[in-house]
């Protein structure tokens, strides 16, 4: 009986050690660029992944279709529904071209999900 209790205790101790509940913050950035002679914007979401000209990094719906945003607020709401929190927003002037707006978001993930 004693050996069964010791075995159960060891098993419970080891299984609790295996569960890493450490959280880490991850960041992403929405870059909204105005189009010349239009009130539309181009939205780019940068999750920090390596980018290649050979791979398509555009945001897609659950059905695999390209996600089109109606406005910057639509993109901000899209990330908010996914649990991202707005940290900062700032414009950058590109000289004579359109203004570029940057929105930085953060979200907590389990450390094991980010490795």
C-alpha atoms as a PDB file:
ATOM      1  CA  UNK A   1       0.000   0.000   0.000  1.00  0.00           C
ATOM      2  CA  UNK A   2       2.811   2.369   0.889  1.00  0.00           C
ATOM      3  CA  UNK A   3       4.566   1.765  -2.435  1.00  0.00           C
ATOM      4  CA  UNK A   4       1.372   2.575  -4.355  1.00  0.00           C
ATOM      5  CA  UNK A   5       1.010   5.901  -2.512  1.00  0.00           C
ATOM      6  CA  UNK A   6       4.663   6.760  -3.134  1.00  0.00           C
ATOM      7  CA  UNK A   7       4.284   5.886  -6.820  1.00  0.00           C
ATOM      8  CA  UNK A   8       1.152   8.032  -7.145  1.00  0.00           C
ATOM      9  CA  UNK A   9       2.854  10.927  -5.361  1.00  0.00           C
ATOM     10  CA  UNK A  10       5.901  10.733  -7.650  1.00  0.00           C
ATOM     11  CA  UNK A  11       3.718  10.529 -10.743  1.00  0.00           C
ATOM     12  CA  UNK A  12       1.670  13.547  -9.644  1.00  0.00           C
ATOM     13  CA  UNK A  13       4.855  15.500  -8.877  1.00  0.00           C
ATOM     14  CA  UNK A  14       6.437  14.710 -12.229  1.00  0.00           C
ATOM     15  CA  UNK A  15       3.311  15.501 -14.227  1.00  0.00           C
ATOM     16  CA  UNK A  16       2.958  18.883 -12.520  1.00  0.00           C
ATOM     17  CA  UNK A  17       6.553  19.713 -13.414  1.00  0.00           C
ATOM     18  CA  UNK A  18       5.912  18.881 -17.066  1.00  0.00           C
ATOM     19  CA  UNK A  19       3.232  21.558 -17.384  1.00  0.00           C
ATOM     20  CA  UNK A  20       4.964  24.850 -18.112  1.00  0.00           C
ATOM     21  CA  UNK A  21       2.482  27.651 -17.494  1.00  0.00           C
ATOM     22  CA  UNK A  22       4.950  30.445 -18.244  1.00  0.00           C
ATOM     23  CA  UNK A  23       3.411  33.236 -20.323  1.00  0.00           C
ATOM     24  CA  UNK A  24       5.301  35.420 -22.785  1.00  0.00           C
ATOM     25  CA  UNK A  25       4.178  38.548 -24.584  1.00  0.00           C
ATOM     26  CA  UNK A  26       4.306  38.566 -28.372  1.00  0.00           C
ATOM     27  CA  UNK A  27       3.898  41.683 -30.487  1.00  0.00           C
ATOM     28  CA  UNK A  28       2.572  42.456 -33.944  1.00  0.00           C
ATOM     29  CA  UNK A  29       2.295  45.611 -35.993  1.00  0.00           C
ATOM     30  CA  UNK A  30      -0.392  46.826 -38.349  1.00  0.00           C
ATOM     31  CA  UNK A  31       0.943  49.171 -41.009  1.00  0.00           C
ATOM     32  CA  UNK A  32      -1.695  51.181 -42.860  1.00  0.00           C
ATOM     33  CA  UNK A  33      -0.553  53.050 -45.945  1.00  0.00           C
ATOM     34  CA  UNK A  34      -2.830  55.479 -47.708  1.00  0.00           C
ATOM     35  CA  UNK A  35      -3.231  55.129 -51.456  1.00  0.00           C
ATOM     36  CA  UNK A  36      -2.581  58.103 -53.681  1.00  0.00           C
ATOM     37  CA  UNK A  37      -5.737  59.801 -54.969  1.00  0.00           C
ATOM     38  CA  UNK A  38      -7.940  57.443 -52.936  1.00  0.00           C
ATOM     39  CA  UNK A  39      -9.493  57.210 -49.495  1.00  0.00           C
ATOM     40  CA  UNK A  40      -8.592  53.490 -49.301  1.00  0.00           C
ATOM     41  CA  UNK A  41      -5.643  52.106 -47.328  1.00  0.00           C
ATOM     42  CA  UNK A  42      -3.375  49.126 -47.754  1.00  0.00           C
ATOM     43  CA  UNK A  43      -3.123  47.022 -44.565  1.00  0.00           C
ATOM     44  CA  UNK A  44      -0.071  44.900 -43.715  1.00  0.00           C
ATOM     45  CA  UNK A  45       0.093  42.864 -40.494  1.00  0.00           C
ATOM     46  CA  UNK A  46       3.611  41.978 -39.347  1.00  0.00           C
ATOM     47  CA  UNK A  47       3.747  39.160 -36.780  1.00  0.00           C
ATOM     48  CA  UNK A  48       7.550  39.166 -36.800  1.00  0.00           C
ATOM     49  CA  UNK A  49       7.922  36.065 -38.937  1.00  0.00           C
ATOM     50  CA  UNK A  50      10.663  35.716 -41.517  1.00  0.00           C
ATOM     51  CA  UNK A  51       9.452  37.014 -44.847  1.00  0.00           C
ATOM     52  CA  UNK A  52      10.297  35.801 -48.306  1.00  0.00           C
ATOM     53  CA  UNK A  53       9.241  36.988 -51.737  1.00  0.00           C
ATOM     54  CA  UNK A  54       8.425  33.345 -52.516  1.00  0.00           C
ATOM     55  CA  UNK A  55       5.867  32.947 -49.729  1.00  0.00           C
ATOM     56  CA  UNK A  56       2.497  34.678 -49.455  1.00  0.00           C
ATOM     57  CA  UNK A  57       2.112  36.256 -45.990  1.00  0.00           C
ATOM     58  CA  UNK A  58      -1.231  37.916 -46.519  1.00  0.00           C
ATOM     59  CA  UNK A  59      -3.954  37.365 -43.916  1.00  0.00           C
ATOM     60  CA  UNK A  60      -6.507  34.738 -44.920  1.00  0.00           C
ATOM     61  CA  UNK A  61      -9.959  33.822 -43.633  1.00  0.00           C
ATOM     62  CA  UNK A  62     -10.752  30.402 -42.154  1.00  0.00           C
ATOM     63  CA  UNK A  63     -11.884  29.358 -45.633  1.00  0.00           C
ATOM     64  CA  UNK A  64      -8.478  30.272 -47.112  1.00  0.00           C
ATOM     65  CA  UNK A  65      -9.655  33.375 -48.959  1.00  0.00           C
ATOM     66  CA  UNK A  66      -7.717  36.643 -48.730  1.00  0.00           C
ATOM     67  CA  UNK A  67      -8.930  38.790 -45.844  1.00  0.00           C
ATOM     68  CA  UNK A  68      -9.874  42.238 -47.089  1.00  0.00           C
ATOM     69  CA  UNK A  69     -10.192  45.038 -44.576  1.00  0.00           C
ATOM     70  CA  UNK A  70     -12.637  47.881 -45.133  1.00  0.00           C
ATOM     71  CA  UNK A  71     -10.530  50.334 -43.121  1.00  0.00           C
ATOM     72  CA  UNK A  72      -7.835  50.607 -40.479  1.00  0.00           C
ATOM     73  CA  UNK A  73     -10.477  50.260 -37.787  1.00  0.00           C
ATOM     74  CA  UNK A  74     -11.639  47.010 -39.407  1.00  0.00           C
ATOM     75  CA  UNK A  75      -8.083  45.635 -39.111  1.00  0.00           C
ATOM     76  CA  UNK A  76      -7.782  46.863 -35.497  1.00  0.00           C
ATOM     77  CA  UNK A  77     -11.117  45.201 -34.633  1.00  0.00           C
ATOM     78  CA  UNK A  78      -9.998  41.976 -36.362  1.00  0.00           C
ATOM     79  CA  UNK A  79      -6.928  41.760 -34.106  1.00  0.00           C
ATOM     80  CA  UNK A  80      -8.960  42.760 -31.025  1.00  0.00           C
ATOM     81  CA  UNK A  81     -11.364  39.860 -31.602  1.00  0.00           C
ATOM     82  CA  UNK A  82      -8.334  37.557 -31.721  1.00  0.00           C
ATOM     83  CA  UNK A  83      -7.194  38.734 -28.263  1.00  0.00           C
ATOM     84  CA  UNK A  84      -4.579  41.307 -29.308  1.00  0.00           C
ATOM     85  CA  UNK A  85      -4.397  44.513 -27.219  1.00  0.00           C
ATOM     86  CA  UNK A  86      -3.432  47.884 -28.715  1.00  0.00           C
ATOM     87  CA  UNK A  87      -0.193  49.223 -27.202  1.00  0.00           C
ATOM     88  CA  UNK A  88       0.670  52.232 -29.338  1.00  0.00           C
ATOM     89  CA  UNK A  89      -0.314  54.000 -32.543  1.00  0.00           C
ATOM     90  CA  UNK A  90       1.768  56.556 -34.418  1.00  0.00           C
ATOM     91  CA  UNK A  91       1.968  58.117 -37.895  1.00  0.00           C
ATOM     92  CA  UNK A  92       5.139  58.422 -39.959  1.00  0.00           C
ATOM     93  CA  UNK A  93       5.412  60.914 -42.764  1.00  0.00           C
ATOM     94  CA  UNK A  94       7.053  59.637 -45.939  1.00  0.00           C
ATOM     95  CA  UNK A  95       7.839  63.067 -47.339  1.00  0.00           C
ATOM     96  CA  UNK A  96       5.590  63.915 -50.266  1.00  0.00           C
ATOM     97  CA  UNK A  97       3.855  60.521 -50.240  1.00  0.00           C
ATOM     98  CA  UNK A  98       0.917  59.394 -48.142  1.00  0.00           C
ATOM     99  CA  UNK A  99       1.081  59.173 -44.356  1.00  0.00           C
ATOM    100  CA  UNK A 100       1.889  55.698 -42.975  1.00  0.00           C
ATOM    101  CA  UNK A 101       0.148  54.720 -39.723  1.00  0.00           C
ATOM    102  CA  UNK A 102       1.605  52.103 -37.377  1.00  0.00           C
ATOM    103  CA  UNK A 103      -0.386  50.243 -34.718  1.00  0.00           C
ATOM    104  CA  UNK A 104       1.500  48.014 -32.264  1.00  0.00           C
ATOM    105  CA  UNK A 105      -0.375  45.203 -30.484  1.00  0.00           C
ATOM    106  CA  UNK A 106       0.557  42.623 -27.862  1.00  0.00           C
ATOM    107  CA  UNK A 107      -0.885  39.297 -26.778  1.00  0.00           C
ATOM    108  CA  UNK A 108       0.090  36.743 -24.135  1.00  0.00           C
ATOM    109  CA  UNK A 109       0.889  33.208 -25.224  1.00  0.00           C
ATOM    110  CA  UNK A 110       2.001  30.113 -23.372  1.00  0.00           C
ATOM    111  CA  UNK A 111       5.779  29.919 -23.714  1.00  0.00           C
ATOM    112  CA  UNK A 112       5.455  26.434 -25.211  1.00  0.00           C
ATOM    113  CA  UNK A 113       3.345  27.870 -28.085  1.00  0.00           C
ATOM    114  CA  UNK A 114       6.080  30.310 -29.146  1.00  0.00           C
ATOM    115  CA  UNK A 115       9.038  27.942 -29.395  1.00  0.00           C
END
